[in-house]
């Protein structure tokens, strides 16, 4: 089953613009199906199916939920940041051991996509978590 996730923000707010960073997320229906180069655009949707198992294993929160509120989005942002900080500075074999224990039940494709796009996922969830009233809607 497919899954796209859409960022919903209150009227009068603006979607974050991701500039000055190397930012890549697999796009959703509104943003195309190829990896996004967000140097020139905003991320209003993304292909949640690609990251769902990774996020679920990391946080216990499902991107398949009808609606994620700001608290859940903030929890995901913090978990992504903590994972990146944990992996930073570790030797490759230490990273593999940690990931093997932390993501034992994770599908390899989702884990790979999550790790490859970890910095972008972290920035995206962090920036959206700072918008009062934000939510993340699923469509599948």
C-alpha atoms as a PDB file:
ATOM      1  CA  UNK A   1       0.000   0.000   0.000  1.00  0.00           C
ATOM      2  CA  UNK A   2       1.293   3.470  -0.887  1.00  0.00           C
ATOM      3  CA  UNK A   3       1.602   6.368   1.501  1.00  0.00           C
ATOM      4  CA  UNK A   4       2.161  10.065   0.991  1.00  0.00           C
ATOM      5  CA  UNK A   5       2.281  12.515   3.892  1.00  0.00           C
ATOM      6  CA  UNK A   6       1.152  16.142   3.636  1.00  0.00           C
ATOM      7  CA  UNK A   7       2.188  18.974   5.931  1.00  0.00           C
ATOM      8  CA  UNK A   8      -0.819  20.980   7.115  1.00  0.00           C
ATOM      9  CA  UNK A   9      -0.109  24.374   8.635  1.00  0.00           C
ATOM     10  CA  UNK A  10      -2.473  27.012  10.032  1.00  0.00           C
ATOM     11  CA  UNK A  11      -3.704  29.782   7.772  1.00  0.00           C
ATOM     12  CA  UNK A  12      -1.273  32.689   7.721  1.00  0.00           C
ATOM     13  CA  UNK A  13       1.763  30.470   8.337  1.00  0.00           C
ATOM     14  CA  UNK A  14       4.275  29.596   5.630  1.00  0.00           C
ATOM     15  CA  UNK A  15       5.883  26.285   4.804  1.00  0.00           C
ATOM     16  CA  UNK A  16       9.596  26.311   5.674  1.00  0.00           C
ATOM     17  CA  UNK A  17      12.025  26.918   2.841  1.00  0.00           C
ATOM     18  CA  UNK A  18      15.082  24.691   2.876  1.00  0.00           C
ATOM     19  CA  UNK A  19      18.056  26.644   1.549  1.00  0.00           C
ATOM     20  CA  UNK A  20      21.744  26.565   2.159  1.00  0.00           C
ATOM     21  CA  UNK A  21      21.795  22.856   2.995  1.00  0.00           C
ATOM     22  CA  UNK A  22      22.156  19.665   1.003  1.00  0.00           C
ATOM     23  CA  UNK A  23      18.536  18.537   1.382  1.00  0.00           C
ATOM     24  CA  UNK A  24      16.997  15.483  -0.256  1.00  0.00           C
ATOM     25  CA  UNK A  25      13.697  13.754   0.501  1.00  0.00           C
ATOM     26  CA  UNK A  26      11.734  11.314  -1.662  1.00  0.00           C
ATOM     27  CA  UNK A  27       8.801  13.329  -2.987  1.00  0.00           C
ATOM     28  CA  UNK A  28       5.093  12.705  -2.714  1.00  0.00           C
ATOM     29  CA  UNK A  29       2.141  13.419  -5.009  1.00  0.00           C
ATOM     30  CA  UNK A  30       2.407  17.190  -4.738  1.00  0.00           C
ATOM     31  CA  UNK A  31       6.162  17.271  -5.059  1.00  0.00           C
ATOM     32  CA  UNK A  32       6.922  14.580  -7.631  1.00  0.00           C
ATOM     33  CA  UNK A  33       8.064  11.007  -7.229  1.00  0.00           C
ATOM     34  CA  UNK A  34      11.795  11.610  -7.557  1.00  0.00           C
ATOM     35  CA  UNK A  35      14.134  12.747  -4.793  1.00  0.00           C
ATOM     36  CA  UNK A  36      13.529  16.411  -4.098  1.00  0.00           C
ATOM     37  CA  UNK A  37      16.192  19.015  -4.551  1.00  0.00           C
ATOM     38  CA  UNK A  38      14.774  21.534  -2.135  1.00  0.00           C
ATOM     39  CA  UNK A  39      17.311  24.257  -2.785  1.00  0.00           C
ATOM     40  CA  UNK A  40      14.546  25.979  -4.756  1.00  0.00           C
ATOM     41  CA  UNK A  41      11.300  24.783  -3.231  1.00  0.00           C
ATOM     42  CA  UNK A  42       9.329  23.916  -0.150  1.00  0.00           C
ATOM     43  CA  UNK A  43       8.461  20.447   1.045  1.00  0.00           C
ATOM     44  CA  UNK A  44       4.676  20.285   1.333  1.00  0.00           C
ATOM     45  CA  UNK A  45       4.500  16.514   0.932  1.00  0.00           C
ATOM     46  CA  UNK A  46       6.782  13.502   0.868  1.00  0.00           C
ATOM     47  CA  UNK A  47       6.614   9.787   0.109  1.00  0.00           C
ATOM     48  CA  UNK A  48       5.919   8.463   3.608  1.00  0.00           C
ATOM     49  CA  UNK A  49       6.008   4.824   2.520  1.00  0.00           C
ATOM     50  CA  UNK A  50       9.745   5.139   1.953  1.00  0.00           C
ATOM     51  CA  UNK A  51      10.375   6.208   5.564  1.00  0.00           C
ATOM     52  CA  UNK A  52       7.421   4.710   7.481  1.00  0.00           C
ATOM     53  CA  UNK A  53       9.081   1.578   8.827  1.00  0.00           C
ATOM     54  CA  UNK A  54      12.240   3.485   9.772  1.00  0.00           C
ATOM     55  CA  UNK A  55      10.262   6.186  11.660  1.00  0.00           C
ATOM     56  CA  UNK A  56       8.049   3.574  13.330  1.00  0.00           C
ATOM     57  CA  UNK A  57      11.035   1.537  14.528  1.00  0.00           C
ATOM     58  CA  UNK A  58      12.792   4.668  15.785  1.00  0.00           C
ATOM     59  CA  UNK A  59       9.848   6.345  17.520  1.00  0.00           C
ATOM     60  CA  UNK A  60       6.885   3.972  17.755  1.00  0.00           C
ATOM     61  CA  UNK A  61       4.896   6.550  15.744  1.00  0.00           C
ATOM     62  CA  UNK A  62       3.349   5.455  12.458  1.00  0.00           C
ATOM     63  CA  UNK A  63       3.360   7.735   9.437  1.00  0.00           C
ATOM     64  CA  UNK A  64       0.235   5.768   8.413  1.00  0.00           C
ATOM     65  CA  UNK A  65      -1.710   7.436  11.251  1.00  0.00           C
ATOM     66  CA  UNK A  66      -4.457   9.635   9.819  1.00  0.00           C
ATOM     67  CA  UNK A  67      -3.041  12.735  11.504  1.00  0.00           C
ATOM     68  CA  UNK A  68       0.090  13.401  13.557  1.00  0.00           C
ATOM     69  CA  UNK A  69      -0.081  16.427  15.843  1.00  0.00           C
ATOM     70  CA  UNK A  70       2.672  18.869  16.747  1.00  0.00           C
ATOM     71  CA  UNK A  71       3.695  16.856  19.811  1.00  0.00           C
ATOM     72  CA  UNK A  72       4.215  13.705  17.751  1.00  0.00           C
ATOM     73  CA  UNK A  73       6.081  15.663  15.064  1.00  0.00           C
ATOM     74  CA  UNK A  74       8.341  17.126  17.765  1.00  0.00           C
ATOM     75  CA  UNK A  75       8.940  13.630  19.173  1.00  0.00           C
ATOM     76  CA  UNK A  76      10.015  12.406  15.724  1.00  0.00           C
ATOM     77  CA  UNK A  77      12.293  15.453  15.257  1.00  0.00           C
ATOM     78  CA  UNK A  78      14.007  14.795  18.602  1.00  0.00           C
ATOM     79  CA  UNK A  79      14.415  11.077  17.887  1.00  0.00           C
ATOM     80  CA  UNK A  80      16.007  11.827  14.500  1.00  0.00           C
ATOM     81  CA  UNK A  81      18.381  14.318  16.115  1.00  0.00           C
ATOM     82  CA  UNK A  82      19.291  11.855  18.874  1.00  0.00           C
ATOM     83  CA  UNK A  83      19.981   9.124  16.307  1.00  0.00           C
ATOM     84  CA  UNK A  84      22.223  11.402  14.254  1.00  0.00           C
ATOM     85  CA  UNK A  85      24.116  12.504  17.367  1.00  0.00           C
ATOM     86  CA  UNK A  86      24.497   8.898  18.488  1.00  0.00           C
ATOM     87  CA  UNK A  87      25.922   7.849  15.115  1.00  0.00           C
ATOM     88  CA  UNK A  88      28.216  10.880  14.717  1.00  0.00           C
ATOM     89  CA  UNK A  89      31.797   9.995  15.550  1.00  0.00           C
ATOM     90  CA  UNK A  90      31.214   6.237  15.801  1.00  0.00           C
ATOM     91  CA  UNK A  91      33.434   3.904  13.839  1.00  0.00           C
ATOM     92  CA  UNK A  92      31.643   2.015  11.043  1.00  0.00           C
ATOM     93  CA  UNK A  93      31.566  -1.268  12.961  1.00  0.00           C
ATOM     94  CA  UNK A  94      30.118   0.509  16.019  1.00  0.00           C
ATOM     95  CA  UNK A  95      27.429   2.074  13.822  1.00  0.00           C
ATOM     96  CA  UNK A  96      26.532  -1.329  12.394  1.00  0.00           C
ATOM     97  CA  UNK A  97      26.274  -2.897  15.848  1.00  0.00           C
ATOM     98  CA  UNK A  98      24.101  -0.065  17.124  1.00  0.00           C
ATOM     99  CA  UNK A  99      21.836  -0.068  14.077  1.00  0.00           C
ATOM    100  CA  UNK A 100      21.551  -3.865  14.177  1.00  0.00           C
ATOM    101  CA  UNK A 101      20.282  -3.737  17.744  1.00  0.00           C
ATOM    102  CA  UNK A 102      18.107  -0.603  17.388  1.00  0.00           C
ATOM    103  CA  UNK A 103      16.491  -1.488  14.058  1.00  0.00           C
ATOM    104  CA  UNK A 104      16.316  -5.266  14.301  1.00  0.00           C
ATOM    105  CA  UNK A 105      12.814  -5.465  12.780  1.00  0.00           C
ATOM    106  CA  UNK A 106      13.222  -2.679  10.239  1.00  0.00           C
ATOM    107  CA  UNK A 107      12.865  -3.357   6.521  1.00  0.00           C
ATOM    108  CA  UNK A 108      16.234  -2.860   4.843  1.00  0.00           C
ATOM    109  CA  UNK A 109      14.902  -0.470   2.160  1.00  0.00           C
ATOM    110  CA  UNK A 110      13.277   1.791   4.744  1.00  0.00           C
ATOM    111  CA  UNK A 111      16.341   1.713   7.006  1.00  0.00           C
ATOM    112  CA  UNK A 112      18.615   2.548   4.070  1.00  0.00           C
ATOM    113  CA  UNK A 113      16.420   5.451   2.919  1.00  0.00           C
ATOM    114  CA  UNK A 114      16.049   6.727   6.467  1.00  0.00           C
ATOM    115  CA  UNK A 115      19.787   6.699   7.082  1.00  0.00           C
ATOM    116  CA  UNK A 116      20.685   8.193   3.693  1.00  0.00           C
ATOM    117  CA  UNK A 117      18.189  11.011   4.233  1.00  0.00           C
ATOM    118  CA  UNK A 118      18.640  11.313   8.014  1.00  0.00           C
ATOM    119  CA  UNK A 119      19.984  14.897   7.985  1.00  0.00           C
ATOM    120  CA  UNK A 120      17.159  16.034   5.684  1.00  0.00           C
ATOM    121  CA  UNK A 121      14.485  14.218   7.685  1.00  0.00           C
ATOM    122  CA  UNK A 122      15.837  15.767  10.873  1.00  0.00           C
ATOM    123  CA  UNK A 123      15.779  19.306   9.445  1.00  0.00           C
ATOM    124  CA  UNK A 124      12.341  18.877   7.883  1.00  0.00           C
ATOM    125  CA  UNK A 125      10.693  17.518  11.038  1.00  0.00           C
ATOM    126  CA  UNK A 126      12.485  20.087  13.208  1.00  0.00           C
ATOM    127  CA  UNK A 127      11.420  23.074  11.105  1.00  0.00           C
ATOM    128  CA  UNK A 128       7.819  21.899  10.910  1.00  0.00           C
ATOM    129  CA  UNK A 129       7.721  21.099  14.637  1.00  0.00           C
ATOM    130  CA  UNK A 130       8.369  24.797  15.322  1.00  0.00           C
ATOM    131  CA  UNK A 131       5.113  25.870  13.630  1.00  0.00           C
ATOM    132  CA  UNK A 132       2.279  26.145  16.160  1.00  0.00           C
ATOM    133  CA  UNK A 133      -0.702  24.081  15.068  1.00  0.00           C
ATOM    134  CA  UNK A 134       1.160  22.043  12.465  1.00  0.00           C
ATOM    135  CA  UNK A 135       0.038  18.509  11.675  1.00  0.00           C
ATOM    136  CA  UNK A 136       1.079  15.767   9.284  1.00  0.00           C
ATOM    137  CA  UNK A 137      -1.705  14.086   7.350  1.00  0.00           C
ATOM    138  CA  UNK A 138      -1.472  10.683   5.673  1.00  0.00           C
ATOM    139  CA  UNK A 139      -2.979   9.673   2.357  1.00  0.00           C
ATOM    140  CA  UNK A 140      -2.943   6.075   1.191  1.00  0.00           C
END
